[in-house]
Every structure is written in C-alpha cells, then in structure tokens.
Amino acid sequence: MTDPDTRERGTTGGWTPVIDRNRCEGKAACVAVCPKNVFAIERLRDDDRAALGLLGKLKAWVHGGQQAYAVRADQCHGCNQCVYACPERAITVTAKS
C-alpha cells in the first residue's frame, strides 16, 4: 500500500476500499471519518453472511447483522482515513489497476 502522503490529492476513483466481512463489526468509524461519504452501515447481505466463517457469523449476530459497505466505492480517493479509524482493522484500500 502506498503512503497516503505520496498520493495525488483531490483525485477520486483510483482506489478501492475492501472490507473484510469476517472482521467488520459495523461500528461506523469509517462512516464518520470518510471525507467522500464512501461508506454506509447496512444490513449484512445474504451472500456475504453465507461466506462468513464461524467467528464472523458470531460477530455479525452480536452486532445485529450490521456491517459497513462501500456504497460509493468509486468516490474513494485513497486517503486511508477509514483504514486508520477502523478498530477491527477490517478495511484495506488498494489501487485500481
């Protein structure tokens, strides 16, 4: 991952936020810090729930089946604020190829 200080400021669409469904607890820290409103907390989708491991299913149940989704991923500009804010370390940001 590239250091955010070396990235071009003000550009959008060149980055992809990836959420680890087995780690996300839907605490919304990513929603609070994202300057581009990339994230939203939503009900865990059936296909995502089915792909969870046992611990991930337990976390989802405990947290009411809510997780973060990158609903406007195309707006991500790679600042990594979500990565640093997530208490579960469930988010990575990768450059689009």
C-alpha atoms as a PDB file:
ATOM      1  CA  MET A   1       0.000   0.000   0.000  1.00  0.00           C
ATOM      2  CA  THR A   2       1.260   3.425  -0.920  1.00  0.00           C
ATOM      3  CA  ASP A   3       1.834   6.003   1.768  1.00  0.00           C
ATOM      4  CA  PRO A   4      -1.122   8.430   1.651  1.00  0.00           C
ATOM      5  CA  ASP A   5       1.209  11.427   1.714  1.00  0.00           C
ATOM      6  CA  THR A   6       2.614  10.464  -1.707  1.00  0.00           C
ATOM      7  CA  ARG A   7      -0.795  10.155  -3.376  1.00  0.00           C
ATOM      8  CA  GLU A   8      -2.208  12.782  -5.648  1.00  0.00           C
ATOM      9  CA  ARG A   9      -4.615  14.905  -3.640  1.00  0.00           C
ATOM     10  CA  GLY A  10      -8.130  15.595  -4.806  1.00  0.00           C
ATOM     11  CA  THR A  11      -8.495  12.704  -7.234  1.00  0.00           C
ATOM     12  CA  THR A  12     -11.289  10.149  -6.990  1.00  0.00           C
ATOM     13  CA  GLY A  13     -11.956   6.780  -8.485  1.00  0.00           C
ATOM     14  CA  GLY A  14      -8.412   5.401  -8.464  1.00  0.00           C
ATOM     15  CA  TRP A  15      -8.806   3.432  -5.234  1.00  0.00           C
ATOM     16  CA  THR A  16     -10.911   0.550  -3.987  1.00  0.00           C
ATOM     17  CA  PRO A  17     -11.839   0.092  -0.319  1.00  0.00           C
ATOM     18  CA  VAL A  18     -12.069  -3.606   0.601  1.00  0.00           C
ATOM     19  CA  ILE A  19     -13.904  -4.693   3.750  1.00  0.00           C
ATOM     20  CA  ASP A  20     -13.049  -7.967   5.466  1.00  0.00           C
ATOM     21  CA  ARG A  21     -16.501  -9.291   6.319  1.00  0.00           C
ATOM     22  CA  ASN A  22     -15.121 -11.623   8.998  1.00  0.00           C
ATOM     23  CA  ARG A  23     -13.633  -8.645  10.866  1.00  0.00           C
ATOM     24  CA  CYS A  24     -16.185  -5.857  10.387  1.00  0.00           C
ATOM     25  CA  GLU A  25     -18.397  -5.184  13.411  1.00  0.00           C
ATOM     26  CA  GLY A  26     -20.300  -2.263  11.925  1.00  0.00           C
ATOM     27  CA  LYS A  27     -19.089   0.298  14.461  1.00  0.00           C
ATOM     28  CA  ALA A  28     -19.242   3.058  11.796  1.00  0.00           C
ATOM     29  CA  ALA A  29     -15.839   4.642  12.405  1.00  0.00           C
ATOM     30  CA  CYS A  30     -15.271   4.514   8.632  1.00  0.00           C
ATOM     31  CA  VAL A  31     -18.554   6.322   8.010  1.00  0.00           C
ATOM     32  CA  ALA A  32     -17.585   9.058  10.454  1.00  0.00           C
ATOM     33  CA  VAL A  33     -14.126   9.789   9.025  1.00  0.00           C
ATOM     34  CA  CYS A  34     -14.555   9.332   5.259  1.00  0.00           C
ATOM     35  CA  PRO A  35     -14.476  12.752   3.557  1.00  0.00           C
ATOM     36  CA  LYS A  36     -16.086  11.323   0.405  1.00  0.00           C
ATOM     37  CA  ASN A  37     -19.010   9.502   2.106  1.00  0.00           C
ATOM     38  CA  VAL A  38     -17.888   6.185   0.637  1.00  0.00           C
ATOM     39  CA  PHE A  39     -19.256   4.049   3.493  1.00  0.00           C
ATOM     40  CA  ALA A  40     -22.659   3.251   4.956  1.00  0.00           C
ATOM     41  CA  ILE A  41     -23.774   0.802   7.629  1.00  0.00           C
ATOM     42  CA  GLU A  42     -26.255  -1.666   6.165  1.00  0.00           C
ATOM     43  CA  ARG A  43     -27.841  -4.985   6.959  1.00  0.00           C
ATOM     44  CA  LEU A  44     -25.450  -7.805   6.089  1.00  0.00           C
ATOM     45  CA  ARG A  45     -26.366  -9.187   2.672  1.00  0.00           C
ATOM     46  CA  ASP A  46     -27.316 -12.858   2.423  1.00  0.00           C
ATOM     47  CA  ASP A  47     -24.410 -13.808   0.145  1.00  0.00           C
ATOM     48  CA  ASP A  48     -21.930 -12.042   2.452  1.00  0.00           C
ATOM     49  CA  ARG A  49     -23.431 -13.739   5.520  1.00  0.00           C
ATOM     50  CA  ALA A  50     -23.166 -17.150   3.841  1.00  0.00           C
ATOM     51  CA  ALA A  51     -19.460 -16.585   3.135  1.00  0.00           C
ATOM     52  CA  LEU A  52     -18.600 -15.779   6.769  1.00  0.00           C
ATOM     53  CA  GLY A  53     -16.600 -18.137   8.924  1.00  0.00           C
ATOM     54  CA  LEU A  54     -17.905 -19.231  12.322  1.00  0.00           C
ATOM     55  CA  LEU A  55     -16.328 -16.290  14.189  1.00  0.00           C
ATOM     56  CA  GLY A  56     -17.575 -13.852  11.541  1.00  0.00           C
ATOM     57  CA  LYS A  57     -21.128 -15.213  11.898  1.00  0.00           C
ATOM     58  CA  LEU A  58     -20.929 -14.844  15.656  1.00  0.00           C
ATOM     59  CA  LYS A  59     -19.694 -11.238  15.341  1.00  0.00           C
ATOM     60  CA  ALA A  60     -22.475 -10.466  12.868  1.00  0.00           C
ATOM     61  CA  TRP A  61     -25.077 -11.856  15.244  1.00  0.00           C
ATOM     62  CA  VAL A  62     -23.693  -9.952  18.247  1.00  0.00           C
ATOM     63  CA  HIS A  63     -23.666  -6.686  16.273  1.00  0.00           C
ATOM     64  CA  GLY A  64     -27.198  -7.013  14.946  1.00  0.00           C
ATOM     65  CA  GLY A  65     -26.263  -8.125  11.442  1.00  0.00           C
ATOM     66  CA  GLN A  66     -24.998  -4.649  10.510  1.00  0.00           C
ATOM     67  CA  GLN A  67     -21.735  -4.040   8.666  1.00  0.00           C
ATOM     68  CA  ALA A  68     -20.019  -1.326   6.683  1.00  0.00           C
ATOM     69  CA  TYR A  69     -20.392  -1.327   2.914  1.00  0.00           C
ATOM     70  CA  ALA A  70     -18.509   0.801   0.413  1.00  0.00           C
ATOM     71  CA  VAL A  71     -21.678   2.082  -1.251  1.00  0.00           C
ATOM     72  CA  ARG A  72     -19.823   4.790  -3.164  1.00  0.00           C
ATOM     73  CA  ALA A  73     -16.509   3.000  -3.712  1.00  0.00           C
ATOM     74  CA  ASP A  74     -15.997   4.891  -6.965  1.00  0.00           C
ATOM     75  CA  GLN A  75     -15.588   8.083  -4.904  1.00  0.00           C
ATOM     76  CA  CYS A  76     -12.666   6.749  -2.842  1.00  0.00           C
ATOM     77  CA  HIS A  77      -9.558   8.906  -3.182  1.00  0.00           C
ATOM     78  CA  GLY A  78      -7.243   6.690  -1.136  1.00  0.00           C
ATOM     79  CA  CYS A  79      -6.707   8.856   1.932  1.00  0.00           C
ATOM     80  CA  ASN A  80      -6.736   5.762   4.204  1.00  0.00           C
ATOM     81  CA  GLN A  81      -8.623   7.547   6.994  1.00  0.00           C
ATOM     82  CA  CYS A  82     -11.028   4.591   7.102  1.00  0.00           C
ATOM     83  CA  VAL A  83      -8.127   2.152   7.458  1.00  0.00           C
ATOM     84  CA  TYR A  84      -6.707   4.027  10.440  1.00  0.00           C
ATOM     85  CA  ALA A  85     -10.121   4.587  12.071  1.00  0.00           C
ATOM     86  CA  CYS A  86     -11.413   1.006  11.904  1.00  0.00           C
ATOM     87  CA  PRO A  87     -10.973  -0.593  15.342  1.00  0.00           C
ATOM     88  CA  GLU A  88     -11.171  -4.105  13.839  1.00  0.00           C
ATOM     89  CA  ARG A  89      -8.664  -3.394  11.054  1.00  0.00           C
ATOM     90  CA  ALA A  90     -11.282  -4.651   8.611  1.00  0.00           C
ATOM     91  CA  ILE A  91     -10.547  -2.200   5.784  1.00  0.00           C
ATOM     92  CA  THR A  92      -7.791  -2.051   3.214  1.00  0.00           C
ATOM     93  CA  VAL A  93      -7.527   0.384   0.323  1.00  0.00           C
ATOM     94  CA  THR A  94      -5.956  -0.828  -2.897  1.00  0.00           C
ATOM     95  CA  ALA A  95      -5.102   0.961  -6.111  1.00  0.00           C
ATOM     96  CA  LYS A  96      -7.269   0.102  -9.089  1.00  0.00           C
ATOM     97  CA  SER A  97      -5.302  -1.489 -11.870  1.00  0.00           C
END
